[in-house]
Amino acid sequence: MTIKTLIVDDEPLARTGLSDYLHRVDFLTEAGQARDGMEALRLIESLQIDLLLLDVQMPGLSGTELMQSLRHPPAVIFTTAHPGFAVEGFELNAIDYLLKPISFPRFLRAALKARDKLSPESLTASSTATAPASAPNKEEPEDIFIRQEGRVERLLLKDILYAESMQNYCRIHTVNGSHLPLLPLKELIQALPEADFFQIHRSYVVNLKAVEAIVGNQLRIGPQLLPVSRSKRAELERRLVGNRLL
């Protein structure tokens, strides 16, 4: 099989490098190049694209915004110089996440993963295992992936107690300890299911199932007291208590 691949990056040198790598892999075919998300959108609508090599940060329409705007997006391998986007990439079901500068061996591993996922056997198994389009699966995710210290780690959502902002990144507190991904709090919040997590303060988001008490303008999770913004207090009580307050 050949995989029709579109390169999307606002940097000419990055496009040239990816094109060179792509032409070294016999099962990849270059379908075109785009300089930004809007140009990529036009090409995706006019061409049959199997795979995107997609930069995350681009002017106008970012890579993640492009993926979110497509009803039936192609498979995607994200490419970026910013490791903090790993969680959002995994949330969008990316095949892989390549951190610039990208070596050819690393590119090849991602390409092989794409071939495995897009093979006729995999597509047949996937269509057999998934529900029909008229009954989409609406189950919430059970985990997220974070990148820290050069590795990607899986965190179960039920194990997360709360997270706090640390300026350009955040600290995630879990039942098993804390983690420091290179990820701003606002991006973490976007990856968490709204039904279970609530931002109580500009610097804190909590797992509602971990909250033990509301004490004045604070809430308690284990021994830890966290501040609750005045504007968030009423919504917190509604989300946490509902009609169960006696």
Protein backbone atom coordinates (compact mmCIF):
# COMPACT_ATOMS: atom_id res chain seq x y z
CA MET A 1 0.00 0.00 0.00
CA THR A 2 1.01 3.63 -0.48
CA ILE A 3 0.00 6.35 1.99
CA LYS A 4 -0.83 9.72 0.41
CA THR A 5 0.79 12.22 2.74
CA LEU A 6 0.34 15.99 3.05
CA ILE A 7 3.11 18.05 4.69
CA VAL A 8 1.80 21.05 6.64
CA ASP A 9 4.30 23.48 8.17
CA ASP A 10 4.80 27.24 7.99
CA GLU A 11 8.61 26.87 7.91
CA PRO A 12 10.10 26.16 4.43
CA LEU A 13 13.13 24.34 5.86
CA ALA A 14 10.87 22.08 7.93
CA ARG A 15 8.79 21.22 4.84
CA THR A 16 11.94 20.48 2.85
CA GLY A 17 13.31 18.23 5.57
CA LEU A 18 10.07 16.28 5.95
CA SER A 19 9.77 15.94 2.18
CA ASP A 20 13.29 14.48 2.02
CA TYR A 21 12.47 11.98 4.76
CA LEU A 22 9.14 11.10 3.15
CA HIS A 23 10.77 10.28 -0.20
CA ARG A 24 13.14 7.84 1.52
CA VAL A 25 10.18 5.70 2.67
CA ASP A 26 8.78 3.59 -0.14
CA PHE A 27 5.23 3.28 1.24
CA LEU A 28 4.77 7.06 1.62
CA THR A 29 3.73 9.27 -1.31
CA GLU A 30 3.88 13.06 -1.08
CA ALA A 31 0.46 14.43 -2.06
CA GLY A 32 1.44 18.06 -1.52
CA GLN A 33 2.62 20.73 0.89
CA ALA A 34 0.78 23.48 2.75
CA ARG A 35 2.19 26.56 4.47
CA ASP A 36 -0.62 26.97 6.98
CA GLY A 37 -3.81 25.41 8.30
CA MET A 38 -6.15 27.14 5.84
CA GLU A 39 -4.14 26.03 2.81
CA ALA A 40 -4.07 22.51 4.26
CA LEU A 41 -7.84 22.59 4.70
CA ARG A 42 -8.33 23.41 1.01
CA LEU A 43 -6.00 20.60 -0.07
CA ILE A 44 -7.64 18.06 2.25
CA GLU A 45 -11.03 18.94 0.77
CA SER A 46 -9.79 18.61 -2.83
CA LEU A 47 -7.39 15.66 -2.52
CA GLN A 48 -7.66 12.20 -1.02
CA ILE A 49 -5.22 12.46 1.89
CA ASP A 50 -4.40 9.46 4.08
CA LEU A 51 -1.89 11.07 6.46
CA LEU A 52 -0.93 14.54 7.65
CA LEU A 53 2.57 15.51 8.79
CA LEU A 54 1.19 18.44 10.73
CA ASP A 55 2.95 21.24 12.56
CA VAL A 56 1.15 22.36 15.72
CA GLN A 57 1.94 26.08 15.92
CA MET A 58 1.10 27.94 12.71
CA PRO A 59 -0.31 31.41 12.03
CA GLY A 60 -4.07 31.70 11.54
CA LEU A 61 -5.17 28.12 12.12
CA SER A 62 -3.04 25.86 14.32
CA GLY A 63 -2.55 22.17 13.64
CA THR A 64 -4.79 21.11 16.52
CA GLU A 65 -7.49 23.60 15.46
CA LEU A 66 -7.32 22.20 11.94
CA MET A 67 -7.87 18.66 13.22
CA GLN A 68 -10.76 19.78 15.41
CA SER A 69 -12.44 21.50 12.46
CA LEU A 70 -12.51 18.38 10.26
CA ARG A 71 -15.49 16.02 10.46
CA HIS A 72 -13.47 13.12 9.05
CA PRO A 73 -9.81 14.02 9.58
CA PRO A 74 -7.00 11.98 8.02
CA ALA A 75 -4.54 10.17 10.25
CA VAL A 76 -2.02 12.59 11.71
CA ILE A 77 1.55 12.70 12.94
CA PHE A 78 2.15 15.98 14.76
CA THR A 79 5.49 17.75 14.37
CA THR A 80 6.47 20.58 16.68
CA ALA A 81 9.31 22.23 18.54
CA HIS A 82 7.19 22.52 21.68
CA PRO A 83 6.89 19.39 23.90
CA GLY A 84 3.99 20.87 25.85
CA PHE A 85 1.51 19.94 23.13
CA ALA A 86 1.90 16.18 23.66
CA VAL A 87 -1.28 15.75 25.70
CA GLU A 88 -3.44 17.57 23.19
CA GLY A 89 -1.89 15.51 20.42
CA PHE A 90 -2.79 12.25 22.08
CA GLU A 91 -6.29 13.54 22.81
CA LEU A 92 -6.72 14.03 19.05
CA ASN A 93 -5.71 10.39 18.46
CA ALA A 94 -2.43 11.27 16.79
CA ILE A 95 -0.43 8.31 15.52
CA ASP A 96 2.73 9.90 16.83
CA TYR A 97 4.22 13.15 18.08
CA LEU A 98 7.59 14.18 16.66
CA LEU A 99 9.66 16.77 18.47
CA LYS A 100 11.87 18.97 16.28
CA PRO A 101 14.63 18.62 15.27
CA ILE A 102 13.47 15.26 13.90
CA SER A 103 15.97 12.55 13.06
CA PHE A 104 15.28 10.16 10.19
CA PRO A 105 15.22 7.03 12.44
CA ARG A 106 12.58 8.71 14.62
CA PHE A 107 10.60 9.73 11.52
CA LEU A 108 10.78 6.18 10.19
CA ARG A 109 9.40 4.74 13.44
CA ALA A 110 6.43 7.10 13.18
CA ALA A 111 5.92 6.20 9.51
CA LEU A 112 5.91 2.48 10.35
CA LYS A 113 3.29 3.13 13.03
CA ALA A 114 1.19 4.94 10.42
CA ARG A 115 1.55 2.03 8.00
CA ASP A 116 0.42 -0.41 10.69
CA LYS A 117 -2.60 1.72 11.58
CA LEU A 118 -3.61 2.41 7.98
CA SER A 119 -3.07 -1.11 6.64
CA PRO A 120 -6.19 -2.76 5.16
CA GLU A 121 -6.12 -5.36 7.94
CA SER A 122 -6.13 -2.70 10.66
CA LEU A 123 -8.87 -0.67 9.00
CA THR A 124 -11.06 -3.78 8.63
CA ALA A 125 -10.55 -4.73 12.28
CA SER A 126 -11.28 -1.17 13.37
CA SER A 127 -14.53 -0.93 11.40
CA THR A 128 -15.65 -4.27 12.80
CA ALA A 129 -14.88 -3.29 16.39
CA THR A 130 -16.37 0.21 16.37
CA ALA A 131 -20.00 1.24 16.57
CA PRO A 132 -21.81 2.45 13.41
CA ALA A 133 -21.79 6.16 12.61
CA SER A 134 -25.39 6.50 13.73
CA ALA A 135 -24.40 5.43 17.26
CA PRO A 136 -21.05 7.05 18.09
CA ASN A 137 -19.16 6.06 21.20
CA LYS A 138 -19.57 8.87 23.72
CA GLU A 139 -17.62 7.32 26.58
CA GLU A 140 -15.27 9.68 28.36
CA PRO A 141 -11.53 8.91 28.22
CA GLU A 142 -10.05 7.00 31.14
CA ASP A 143 -6.53 8.37 30.87
CA ILE A 144 -4.27 11.05 29.46
CA PHE A 145 -0.65 11.04 28.37
CA ILE A 146 1.92 13.58 29.53
CA ARG A 147 5.47 14.24 28.44
CA GLN A 148 8.06 14.89 31.14
CA GLU A 149 11.81 14.45 31.32
CA GLY A 150 12.01 13.10 27.78
CA ARG A 151 9.40 10.37 28.18
CA VAL A 152 5.65 9.99 27.71
CA GLU A 153 3.69 8.70 30.68
CA ARG A 154 0.11 7.50 31.06
CA LEU A 155 -1.99 8.88 33.92
CA LEU A 156 -5.35 7.41 34.89
CA LEU A 157 -7.89 10.19 35.33
CA LYS A 158 -9.31 8.57 38.46
CA ASP A 159 -5.87 8.86 40.10
CA ILE A 160 -5.57 12.62 39.55
CA LEU A 161 -6.43 14.62 42.68
CA TYR A 162 -5.76 18.16 41.45
CA ALA A 163 -3.38 20.22 39.37
CA GLU A 164 -1.85 23.62 40.01
CA SER A 165 -0.38 26.23 37.70
CA MET A 166 3.38 26.78 37.82
CA GLN A 167 3.52 29.69 35.33
CA ASN A 168 4.44 28.05 32.00
CA TYR A 169 3.79 24.50 33.19
CA CYS A 170 1.74 22.75 35.84
CA ARG A 171 2.12 20.24 38.64
CA ILE A 172 -0.31 17.31 38.59
CA HIS A 173 -0.94 15.71 41.99
CA THR A 174 -2.09 12.08 41.92
CA VAL A 175 -2.64 9.35 44.48
CA ASN A 176 0.83 8.06 43.54
CA GLY A 177 2.78 11.34 43.66
CA SER A 178 3.20 14.46 41.53
CA HIS A 179 4.23 15.10 37.92
CA LEU A 180 5.66 18.15 36.17
CA PRO A 181 4.81 18.03 32.46
CA LEU A 182 5.88 20.90 30.19
CA LEU A 183 2.26 21.91 29.84
CA PRO A 184 0.34 25.04 30.90
CA LEU A 185 -2.64 24.45 33.17
CA LYS A 186 -5.11 25.75 30.58
CA GLU A 187 -4.00 23.08 28.09
CA LEU A 188 -4.29 20.35 30.71
CA ILE A 189 -7.84 21.51 31.51
CA GLN A 190 -8.80 21.14 27.85
CA ALA A 191 -7.73 17.49 27.98
CA LEU A 192 -9.72 16.66 31.14
CA PRO A 193 -13.39 15.58 31.01
CA GLU A 194 -15.59 18.45 32.13
CA ALA A 195 -17.96 16.11 33.96
CA ASP A 196 -15.29 15.12 36.51
CA PHE A 197 -12.93 18.11 36.73
CA PHE A 198 -13.59 21.72 37.71
CA GLN A 199 -11.38 24.80 37.76
CA ILE A 200 -11.89 26.30 41.22
CA HIS A 201 -9.33 29.09 40.83
CA ARG A 202 -7.16 30.49 38.05
CA SER A 203 -4.32 28.37 39.44
CA TYR A 204 -6.15 25.14 40.37
CA VAL A 205 -8.30 22.46 38.79
CA VAL A 206 -9.63 19.59 40.91
CA ASN A 207 -11.08 16.14 40.47
CA LEU A 208 -14.58 16.58 41.92
CA LYS A 209 -14.57 12.96 43.12
CA ALA A 210 -11.52 13.71 45.28
CA VAL A 211 -13.04 16.69 47.13
CA GLU A 212 -13.78 15.89 50.78
CA ALA A 213 -15.14 19.20 52.07
CA ILE A 214 -15.74 22.88 51.31
CA VAL A 215 -14.46 25.05 54.15
CA GLY A 216 -15.27 28.74 53.67
CA ASN A 217 -13.38 29.89 50.60
CA GLN A 218 -11.30 26.70 50.45
CA LEU A 219 -11.84 23.04 49.70
CA ARG A 220 -10.06 20.04 51.14
CA ILE A 221 -8.51 17.13 49.28
CA GLY A 222 -6.81 14.90 51.81
CA PRO A 223 -4.68 17.15 54.04
CA GLN A 224 -4.45 19.84 51.36
CA LEU A 225 -6.59 23.01 51.46
CA LEU A 226 -6.99 24.74 48.09
CA PRO A 227 -8.39 28.24 47.42
CA VAL A 228 -11.78 28.64 45.75
CA SER A 229 -12.46 31.82 43.82
CA ARG A 230 -15.52 33.73 45.01
CA SER A 231 -17.00 33.56 41.52
CA LYS A 232 -16.57 29.76 41.43
CA ARG A 233 -18.08 28.91 44.83
CA ALA A 234 -21.75 28.59 43.80
CA GLU A 235 -20.98 26.54 40.69
CA LEU A 236 -18.66 24.31 42.71
CA GLU A 237 -21.41 23.56 45.22
CA ARG A 238 -23.88 22.85 42.43
CA ARG A 239 -21.45 20.51 40.66
CA LEU A 240 -20.33 18.84 43.86
CA VAL A 241 -23.52 18.60 45.88
CA GLY A 242 -26.45 18.99 43.50
CA ASN A 243 -29.64 18.05 45.32
CA ARG A 244 -27.88 15.78 47.81
CA LEU A 245 -27.36 18.42 50.51
CA LEU A 246 -29.29 17.47 53.66
